[in-house]
Each structure stands twice: as structure tokens, then as C-alpha cells.
């Protein structure tokens, strides 16, 4: 009986060391961060966010987006607050959500700024009636 317990103990210790060695030899994956890595795009933009007691210089920039490279440094040069609480909010693009391009235009996503319901041309038609064409 003692021999059986010793044999079982030797097998368990051997299995433990074998598993530890196998885990150490396995390639380690870097830990997954909960926060995704930020890869700034060419058009990455920031806007200024401030509290109620912000200076006039910060309030003048309210709602304005800057490309990341062109953003002013904080605290702003004209800041007269005793303690600046301004911070940047990051955006994927400098444009807001008021993009007027229509995906339903004849060319798809084109540079056109939408459809016009009303005819805006003035004056007479430049094209001639096919019956009025003079053939030489």
C-alpha cells in the first residue's frame, strides 16, 4: 500500500513538472489590453472640451475641430483662468456629421453636394432644335 502511494506521488510530481515545462516552452501571447491601440489617420482631429468656468479664448473655439497636427497647445496662450481644465476630445475625421454628399446620386459617393429639386439655370436653352440644324 505504501509503495502504491509513493508511486502515485511520483507520477503526480512528474506530471506537474512536465506540464510546467510545456507551458514555459509555449510561445507567450502579449496580454490583451481592454483599450484598443489608437492608430491615428491622416484626418484625425480634436476639438476642445471645457467646463463652465472656462476662459473666453476656449469659449471662442467651441465646436471647432482641428487636425491633430494643427491643434493649439493647452493651456491656450490667451487663457486667463487660474487653473486650466480644458482637454481635447478625439475624432476620427475633421468633418462633422453634416456631410451633404448623397450616396444615392447617379455617380454614387461623388463630390456633388446633393440633388437640387428646383432648376437654377436662367436664360434660354443653348442647344438647338434638331430640326433647325443646317447641313452643308
C-alpha atoms as a PDB file:
ATOM      1  CA  UNK A   1       0.000   0.000   0.000  1.00  0.00           C
ATOM      2  CA  UNK A   2       2.853   2.363   0.869  1.00  0.00           C
ATOM      3  CA  UNK A   3       4.529   1.513  -2.398  1.00  0.00           C
ATOM      4  CA  UNK A   4       1.367   2.379  -4.325  1.00  0.00           C
ATOM      5  CA  UNK A   5       1.076   5.803  -2.610  1.00  0.00           C
ATOM      6  CA  UNK A   6       4.743   6.586  -3.295  1.00  0.00           C
ATOM      7  CA  UNK A   7       4.331   5.552  -6.931  1.00  0.00           C
ATOM      8  CA  UNK A   8       1.212   7.730  -7.262  1.00  0.00           C
ATOM      9  CA  UNK A   9       3.029  10.684  -5.683  1.00  0.00           C
ATOM     10  CA  UNK A  10       5.992  10.270  -8.064  1.00  0.00           C
ATOM     11  CA  UNK A  11       3.626  10.163 -11.072  1.00  0.00           C
ATOM     12  CA  UNK A  12       1.779  13.326  -9.917  1.00  0.00           C
ATOM     13  CA  UNK A  13       5.027  15.241  -9.293  1.00  0.00           C
ATOM     14  CA  UNK A  14       6.343  14.135 -12.692  1.00  0.00           C
ATOM     15  CA  UNK A  15       3.134  15.244 -14.410  1.00  0.00           C
ATOM     16  CA  UNK A  16       3.305  18.617 -12.629  1.00  0.00           C
ATOM     17  CA  UNK A  17       6.882  19.311 -13.777  1.00  0.00           C
ATOM     18  CA  UNK A  18       6.116  18.095 -17.316  1.00  0.00           C
ATOM     19  CA  UNK A  19       3.137  20.497 -17.598  1.00  0.00           C
ATOM     20  CA  UNK A  20       5.189  23.425 -16.236  1.00  0.00           C
ATOM     21  CA  UNK A  21       7.955  22.793 -18.752  1.00  0.00           C
ATOM     22  CA  UNK A  22       5.430  22.535 -21.580  1.00  0.00           C
ATOM     23  CA  UNK A  23       3.794  25.846 -20.599  1.00  0.00           C
ATOM     24  CA  UNK A  24       7.179  27.585 -20.402  1.00  0.00           C
ATOM     25  CA  UNK A  25       8.115  26.351 -23.878  1.00  0.00           C
ATOM     26  CA  UNK A  26       4.841  27.562 -25.428  1.00  0.00           C
ATOM     27  CA  UNK A  27       5.054  30.987 -27.131  1.00  0.00           C
ATOM     28  CA  UNK A  28       3.533  33.647 -24.930  1.00  0.00           C
ATOM     29  CA  UNK A  29       0.874  35.937 -26.268  1.00  0.00           C
ATOM     30  CA  UNK A  30       1.007  39.564 -25.150  1.00  0.00           C
ATOM     31  CA  UNK A  31      -1.803  40.386 -22.741  1.00  0.00           C
ATOM     32  CA  UNK A  32      -4.903  41.731 -24.404  1.00  0.00           C
ATOM     33  CA  UNK A  33      -5.477  45.342 -23.411  1.00  0.00           C
ATOM     34  CA  UNK A  34      -9.041  46.419 -22.945  1.00  0.00           C
ATOM     35  CA  UNK A  35      -8.263  49.685 -24.635  1.00  0.00           C
ATOM     36  CA  UNK A  36      -7.605  49.324 -28.345  1.00  0.00           C
ATOM     37  CA  UNK A  37      -4.463  50.818 -29.758  1.00  0.00           C
ATOM     38  CA  UNK A  38      -5.141  54.167 -31.399  1.00  0.00           C
ATOM     39  CA  UNK A  39      -3.858  54.390 -34.940  1.00  0.00           C
ATOM     40  CA  UNK A  40      -4.281  57.986 -35.992  1.00  0.00           C
ATOM     41  CA  UNK A  41      -5.463  58.526 -39.528  1.00  0.00           C
ATOM     42  CA  UNK A  42      -4.397  61.279 -41.857  1.00  0.00           C
ATOM     43  CA  UNK A  43      -7.530  63.236 -40.893  1.00  0.00           C
ATOM     44  CA  UNK A  44      -7.536  62.565 -37.132  1.00  0.00           C
ATOM     45  CA  UNK A  45      -8.967  65.620 -35.445  1.00  0.00           C
ATOM     46  CA  UNK A  46      -9.537  67.043 -31.989  1.00  0.00           C
ATOM     47  CA  UNK A  47     -11.946  69.550 -30.517  1.00  0.00           C
ATOM     48  CA  UNK A  48     -11.758  71.452 -27.265  1.00  0.00           C
ATOM     49  CA  UNK A  49     -13.891  70.475 -24.282  1.00  0.00           C
ATOM     50  CA  UNK A  50     -14.064  72.764 -21.295  1.00  0.00           C
ATOM     51  CA  UNK A  51     -16.012  73.339 -18.093  1.00  0.00           C
ATOM     52  CA  UNK A  52     -18.467  76.130 -17.284  1.00  0.00           C
ATOM     53  CA  UNK A  53     -15.798  78.467 -15.873  1.00  0.00           C
ATOM     54  CA  UNK A  54     -13.576  78.379 -18.961  1.00  0.00           C
ATOM     55  CA  UNK A  55     -11.795  81.424 -20.317  1.00  0.00           C
ATOM     56  CA  UNK A  56     -13.059  83.452 -23.273  1.00  0.00           C
ATOM     57  CA  UNK A  57     -10.312  82.069 -25.519  1.00  0.00           C
ATOM     58  CA  UNK A  58     -11.562  78.500 -25.006  1.00  0.00           C
ATOM     59  CA  UNK A  59     -15.184  79.508 -25.478  1.00  0.00           C
ATOM     60  CA  UNK A  60     -14.283  81.145 -28.797  1.00  0.00           C
ATOM     61  CA  UNK A  61     -13.046  77.756 -30.055  1.00  0.00           C
ATOM     62  CA  UNK A  62     -16.222  75.910 -29.040  1.00  0.00           C
ATOM     63  CA  UNK A  63     -17.375  73.427 -31.688  1.00  0.00           C
ATOM     64  CA  UNK A  64     -14.318  73.911 -33.888  1.00  0.00           C
ATOM     65  CA  UNK A  65     -12.329  70.855 -34.951  1.00  0.00           C
ATOM     66  CA  UNK A  66      -8.626  70.936 -35.666  1.00  0.00           C
ATOM     67  CA  UNK A  67      -6.429  68.416 -37.404  1.00  0.00           C
ATOM     68  CA  UNK A  68      -4.262  66.882 -34.701  1.00  0.00           C
ATOM     69  CA  UNK A  69      -1.124  68.486 -36.053  1.00  0.00           C
ATOM     70  CA  UNK A  70      -2.734  71.945 -36.179  1.00  0.00           C
ATOM     71  CA  UNK A  71      -4.389  71.907 -32.757  1.00  0.00           C
ATOM     72  CA  UNK A  72      -3.379  74.645 -30.315  1.00  0.00           C
ATOM     73  CA  UNK A  73      -1.401  73.685 -27.229  1.00  0.00           C
ATOM     74  CA  UNK A  74      -3.066  73.637 -23.849  1.00  0.00           C
ATOM     75  CA  UNK A  75      -3.315  75.824 -21.882  1.00  0.00           C
ATOM     76  CA  UNK A  76      -4.146  78.340 -24.591  1.00  0.00           C
ATOM     77  CA  UNK A  77      -1.844  81.344 -24.854  1.00  0.00           C
ATOM     78  CA  UNK A  78      -4.746  83.745 -24.138  1.00  0.00           C
ATOM     79  CA  UNK A  79      -6.034  81.687 -21.190  1.00  0.00           C
ATOM     80  CA  UNK A  80      -6.661  83.813 -18.095  1.00  0.00           C
ATOM     81  CA  UNK A  81      -8.201  81.111 -15.880  1.00  0.00           C
ATOM     82  CA  UNK A  82      -6.381  80.392 -12.604  1.00  0.00           C
ATOM     83  CA  UNK A  83      -6.358  76.670 -13.443  1.00  0.00           C
ATOM     84  CA  UNK A  84      -6.972  75.412 -16.978  1.00  0.00           C
ATOM     85  CA  UNK A  85      -9.401  72.477 -17.141  1.00  0.00           C
ATOM     86  CA  UNK A  86      -9.616  72.302 -20.936  1.00  0.00           C
ATOM     87  CA  UNK A  87      -8.974  68.982 -22.643  1.00  0.00           C
ATOM     88  CA  UNK A  88      -9.126  67.545 -26.133  1.00  0.00           C
ATOM     89  CA  UNK A  89     -11.795  65.204 -27.473  1.00  0.00           C
ATOM     90  CA  UNK A  90     -10.579  62.940 -30.296  1.00  0.00           C
ATOM     91  CA  UNK A  91     -12.441  62.437 -33.583  1.00  0.00           C
ATOM     92  CA  UNK A  92     -11.670  60.087 -36.472  1.00  0.00           C
ATOM     93  CA  UNK A  93     -12.269  62.847 -39.010  1.00  0.00           C
ATOM     94  CA  UNK A  94     -12.262  66.627 -39.043  1.00  0.00           C
ATOM     95  CA  UNK A  95     -15.694  66.758 -40.637  1.00  0.00           C
ATOM     96  CA  UNK A  96     -18.795  66.518 -38.503  1.00  0.00           C
ATOM     97  CA  UNK A  97     -21.900  64.522 -39.355  1.00  0.00           C
ATOM     98  CA  UNK A  98     -23.256  67.178 -41.699  1.00  0.00           C
ATOM     99  CA  UNK A  99     -21.722  65.648 -44.810  1.00  0.00           C
ATOM    100  CA  UNK A 100     -24.116  66.565 -47.613  1.00  0.00           C
ATOM    101  CA  UNK A 101     -22.875  64.117 -50.239  1.00  0.00           C
ATOM    102  CA  UNK A 102     -25.626  61.758 -51.298  1.00  0.00           C
ATOM    103  CA  UNK A 103     -24.799  58.063 -51.684  1.00  0.00           C
ATOM    104  CA  UNK A 104     -27.843  57.843 -53.948  1.00  0.00           C
ATOM    105  CA  UNK A 105     -26.573  60.298 -56.572  1.00  0.00           C
ATOM    106  CA  UNK A 106     -26.011  58.917 -60.075  1.00  0.00           C
ATOM    107  CA  UNK A 107     -22.270  58.614 -59.521  1.00  0.00           C
ATOM    108  CA  UNK A 108     -22.515  57.179 -56.018  1.00  0.00           C
ATOM    109  CA  UNK A 109     -20.299  58.948 -53.488  1.00  0.00           C
ATOM    110  CA  UNK A 110     -19.254  61.818 -55.677  1.00  0.00           C
ATOM    111  CA  UNK A 111     -18.055  65.297 -54.929  1.00  0.00           C
ATOM    112  CA  UNK A 112     -21.521  66.646 -55.656  1.00  0.00           C
ATOM    113  CA  UNK A 113     -23.237  68.143 -52.665  1.00  0.00           C
ATOM    114  CA  UNK A 114     -26.642  66.590 -53.196  1.00  0.00           C
ATOM    115  CA  UNK A 115     -29.573  66.981 -55.556  1.00  0.00           C
ATOM    116  CA  UNK A 116     -31.400  70.188 -56.329  1.00  0.00           C
ATOM    117  CA  UNK A 117     -35.146  69.955 -56.665  1.00  0.00           C
ATOM    118  CA  UNK A 118     -35.521  73.283 -58.411  1.00  0.00           C
ATOM    119  CA  UNK A 119     -34.000  74.304 -61.736  1.00  0.00           C
ATOM    120  CA  UNK A 120     -31.455  77.046 -61.114  1.00  0.00           C
ATOM    121  CA  UNK A 121     -30.361  77.903 -64.658  1.00  0.00           C
ATOM    122  CA  UNK A 122     -31.555  81.132 -66.163  1.00  0.00           C
ATOM    123  CA  UNK A 123     -31.788  82.229 -69.769  1.00  0.00           C
ATOM    124  CA  UNK A 124     -32.737  80.419 -72.920  1.00  0.00           C
ATOM    125  CA  UNK A 125     -31.651  76.952 -73.941  1.00  0.00           C
ATOM    126  CA  UNK A 126     -28.286  76.880 -75.703  1.00  0.00           C
ATOM    127  CA  UNK A 127     -28.978  73.733 -77.667  1.00  0.00           C
ATOM    128  CA  UNK A 128     -30.753  73.959 -80.967  1.00  0.00           C
ATOM    129  CA  UNK A 129     -33.767  72.002 -82.027  1.00  0.00           C
ATOM    130  CA  UNK A 130     -32.587  69.034 -84.134  1.00  0.00           C
ATOM    131  CA  UNK A 131     -34.888  70.182 -86.958  1.00  0.00           C
ATOM    132  CA  UNK A 132     -33.139  73.601 -87.095  1.00  0.00           C
ATOM    133  CA  UNK A 133     -29.668  72.187 -87.855  1.00  0.00           C
ATOM    134  CA  UNK A 134     -28.290  73.370 -91.177  1.00  0.00           C
ATOM    135  CA  UNK A 135     -26.492  70.700 -93.150  1.00  0.00           C
ATOM    136  CA  UNK A 136     -23.897  71.913 -95.649  1.00  0.00           C
END
